[in-house]
Amino acid sequence: MHGYRWCRRQRYGGVGRCPKPVVISTIPLVERIEPSPKGSNEPIYLDIAEVEALKLVDLDKLTMDEAGERMRVSRNTIWRLVQSGREKLVRAIVEGRQVLIRKD
């Protein structure tokens, strides 16, 4: 798989099994997005898996099934990643919060 990278995700919060690693095809060039003017000082953290899912579904116009095949996870996982990423981005826009992308 030349050009692809595995990304191990972490569980934030309660107990349960760790999320499956996902395949990331593109590492974002930016590490953060700064609002102008700033609203809240508390940043919003966007996981690299959420960025990849948003890119595949919203920019590349793939279906959830196709995106799931590319990232090697289920359609439901893609749906959750996209919903979470969209919610975080809208919250950042509405509340004027900085967005930090976790690349680990």
C-alpha atoms as a PDB file:
ATOM      1  CA  MET A   1       0.000   0.000   0.000  1.00  0.00           C
ATOM      2  CA  HIS A   2       2.347   2.703  -1.184  1.00  0.00           C
ATOM      3  CA  GLY A   3       1.310   6.216  -0.220  1.00  0.00           C
ATOM      4  CA  TYR A   4      -1.015   5.143   2.567  1.00  0.00           C
ATOM      5  CA  ARG A   5      -0.437   5.321   6.281  1.00  0.00           C
ATOM      6  CA  TRP A   6      -2.118   3.530   9.157  1.00  0.00           C
ATOM      7  CA  CYS A   7      -3.453   5.732  11.902  1.00  0.00           C
ATOM      8  CA  ARG A   8      -4.078   4.293  15.366  1.00  0.00           C
ATOM      9  CA  ARG A   9      -6.895   6.126  17.048  1.00  0.00           C
ATOM     10  CA  GLN A  10      -7.402   6.588  20.765  1.00  0.00           C
ATOM     11  CA  ARG A  11     -10.518   6.252  22.818  1.00  0.00           C
ATOM     12  CA  TYR A  12     -11.489   9.453  24.616  1.00  0.00           C
ATOM     13  CA  GLY A  13     -13.774   8.861  27.552  1.00  0.00           C
ATOM     14  CA  GLY A  14     -15.390   5.728  28.918  1.00  0.00           C
ATOM     15  CA  VAL A  15     -14.424   2.115  28.850  1.00  0.00           C
ATOM     16  CA  GLY A  16     -14.611  -0.111  25.800  1.00  0.00           C
ATOM     17  CA  ARG A  17     -12.375  -1.530  23.155  1.00  0.00           C
ATOM     18  CA  CYS A  18      -9.974   0.728  21.296  1.00  0.00           C
ATOM     19  CA  PRO A  19     -11.084   1.892  17.842  1.00  0.00           C
ATOM     20  CA  LYS A  20      -9.718   0.046  14.793  1.00  0.00           C
ATOM     21  CA  PRO A  21      -6.787   1.690  13.051  1.00  0.00           C
ATOM     22  CA  VAL A  22      -7.778   3.420   9.828  1.00  0.00           C
ATOM     23  CA  VAL A  23      -5.964   4.017   6.542  1.00  0.00           C
ATOM     24  CA  ILE A  24      -5.088   7.665   5.926  1.00  0.00           C
ATOM     25  CA  SER A  25      -4.235   8.586   2.327  1.00  0.00           C
ATOM     26  CA  THR A  26      -3.528  12.303   2.776  1.00  0.00           C
ATOM     27  CA  ILE A  27      -1.877  14.053   5.701  1.00  0.00           C
ATOM     28  CA  PRO A  28      -3.324  17.588   5.987  1.00  0.00           C
ATOM     29  CA  LEU A  29      -0.864  20.426   5.417  1.00  0.00           C
ATOM     30  CA  VAL A  30      -2.315  22.532   8.219  1.00  0.00           C
ATOM     31  CA  GLU A  31      -2.128  21.758  11.907  1.00  0.00           C
ATOM     32  CA  ARG A  32      -4.587  24.382  13.088  1.00  0.00           C
ATOM     33  CA  ILE A  33      -7.155  26.894  11.917  1.00  0.00           C
ATOM     34  CA  GLU A  34      -7.405  30.219  13.745  1.00  0.00           C
ATOM     35  CA  PRO A  35     -10.674  32.197  13.849  1.00  0.00           C
ATOM     36  CA  SER A  36     -10.792  35.959  13.457  1.00  0.00           C
ATOM     37  CA  PRO A  37     -11.996  37.380  15.792  1.00  0.00           C
ATOM     38  CA  LYS A  38     -11.419  34.774  18.494  1.00  0.00           C
ATOM     39  CA  GLY A  39     -14.391  33.666  20.527  1.00  0.00           C
ATOM     40  CA  SER A  40     -13.478  31.040  23.090  1.00  0.00           C
ATOM     41  CA  ASN A  41      -9.923  30.234  24.171  1.00  0.00           C
ATOM     42  CA  GLU A  42     -10.658  26.494  24.361  1.00  0.00           C
ATOM     43  CA  PRO A  43      -9.702  24.796  21.051  1.00  0.00           C
ATOM     44  CA  ILE A  44     -11.599  22.032  19.290  1.00  0.00           C
ATOM     45  CA  TYR A  45      -9.578  18.924  18.440  1.00  0.00           C
ATOM     46  CA  LEU A  46     -10.265  17.289  15.081  1.00  0.00           C
ATOM     47  CA  ASP A  47      -8.897  13.761  14.706  1.00  0.00           C
ATOM     48  CA  ILE A  48      -7.007  12.943  11.498  1.00  0.00           C
ATOM     49  CA  ALA A  49      -9.476  10.083  10.875  1.00  0.00           C
ATOM     50  CA  GLU A  50     -12.323  12.631  10.927  1.00  0.00           C
ATOM     51  CA  VAL A  51     -10.443  14.818   8.431  1.00  0.00           C
ATOM     52  CA  GLU A  52      -9.886  11.828   6.113  1.00  0.00           C
ATOM     53  CA  ALA A  53     -13.548  10.775   6.314  1.00  0.00           C
ATOM     54  CA  LEU A  54     -14.713  14.336   5.591  1.00  0.00           C
ATOM     55  CA  LYS A  55     -12.319  14.575   2.638  1.00  0.00           C
ATOM     56  CA  LEU A  56     -13.478  11.297   1.109  1.00  0.00           C
ATOM     57  CA  VAL A  57     -17.208  11.949   1.562  1.00  0.00           C
ATOM     58  CA  ASP A  58     -17.475  15.728   1.060  1.00  0.00           C
ATOM     59  CA  LEU A  59     -14.596  16.553  -1.305  1.00  0.00           C
ATOM     60  CA  ASP A  60     -14.057  13.314  -3.233  1.00  0.00           C
ATOM     61  CA  LYS A  61     -17.851  12.657  -3.292  1.00  0.00           C
ATOM     62  CA  LEU A  62     -17.503   8.988  -2.353  1.00  0.00           C
ATOM     63  CA  THR A  63     -20.373   7.078  -0.791  1.00  0.00           C
ATOM     64  CA  MET A  64     -20.071   5.961   2.825  1.00  0.00           C
ATOM     65  CA  ASP A  65     -19.458   2.403   1.576  1.00  0.00           C
ATOM     66  CA  GLU A  66     -16.651   3.493  -0.781  1.00  0.00           C
ATOM     67  CA  ALA A  67     -15.049   5.665   1.924  1.00  0.00           C
ATOM     68  CA  GLY A  68     -15.253   2.744   4.349  1.00  0.00           C
ATOM     69  CA  GLU A  69     -13.462   0.486   1.877  1.00  0.00           C
ATOM     70  CA  ARG A  70     -10.692   3.054   1.399  1.00  0.00           C
ATOM     71  CA  MET A  71     -10.211   3.561   5.146  1.00  0.00           C
ATOM     72  CA  ARG A  72     -10.771  -0.152   5.889  1.00  0.00           C
ATOM     73  CA  VAL A  73     -13.581   0.436   8.373  1.00  0.00           C
ATOM     74  CA  SER A  74     -17.349  -0.039   8.266  1.00  0.00           C
ATOM     75  CA  ARG A  75     -19.855   2.341   6.697  1.00  0.00           C
ATOM     76  CA  ASN A  76     -21.189   3.090  10.194  1.00  0.00           C
ATOM     77  CA  THR A  77     -17.737   4.124  11.390  1.00  0.00           C
ATOM     78  CA  ILE A  78     -17.411   6.487   8.431  1.00  0.00           C
ATOM     79  CA  TRP A  79     -20.832   7.935   9.221  1.00  0.00           C
ATOM     80  CA  ARG A  80     -19.819   8.549  12.866  1.00  0.00           C
ATOM     81  CA  LEU A  81     -16.494  10.130  11.838  1.00  0.00           C
ATOM     82  CA  VAL A  82     -18.197  12.441   9.321  1.00  0.00           C
ATOM     83  CA  GLN A  83     -20.950  13.465  11.754  1.00  0.00           C
ATOM     84  CA  SER A  84     -18.433  14.139  14.528  1.00  0.00           C
ATOM     85  CA  GLY A  85     -16.140  16.136  12.217  1.00  0.00           C
ATOM     86  CA  ARG A  86     -18.994  18.238  10.838  1.00  0.00           C
ATOM     87  CA  GLU A  87     -20.302  18.983  14.325  1.00  0.00           C
ATOM     88  CA  LYS A  88     -16.856  20.072  15.515  1.00  0.00           C
ATOM     89  CA  LEU A  89     -16.305  22.325  12.494  1.00  0.00           C
ATOM     90  CA  VAL A  90     -19.694  23.998  12.833  1.00  0.00           C
ATOM     91  CA  ARG A  91     -19.132  24.499  16.567  1.00  0.00           C
ATOM     92  CA  ALA A  92     -15.749  26.102  15.829  1.00  0.00           C
ATOM     93  CA  ILE A  93     -17.311  28.469  13.282  1.00  0.00           C
ATOM     94  CA  VAL A  94     -20.275  29.444  15.460  1.00  0.00           C
ATOM     95  CA  GLU A  95     -18.283  29.817  18.692  1.00  0.00           C
ATOM     96  CA  GLY A  96     -15.122  31.288  17.109  1.00  0.00           C
ATOM     97  CA  ARG A  97     -12.873  28.514  18.406  1.00  0.00           C
ATOM     98  CA  GLN A  98      -9.493  27.387  17.125  1.00  0.00           C
ATOM     99  CA  VAL A  99      -9.390  23.982  15.382  1.00  0.00           C
ATOM    100  CA  LEU A 100      -6.377  21.764  16.085  1.00  0.00           C
ATOM    101  CA  ILE A 101      -5.788  18.632  13.985  1.00  0.00           C
ATOM    102  CA  ARG A 102      -4.438  15.621  15.872  1.00  0.00           C
ATOM    103  CA  LYS A 103      -1.954  13.800  13.648  1.00  0.00           C
ATOM    104  CA  ASP A 104      -0.789  11.158  16.123  1.00  0.00           C
END
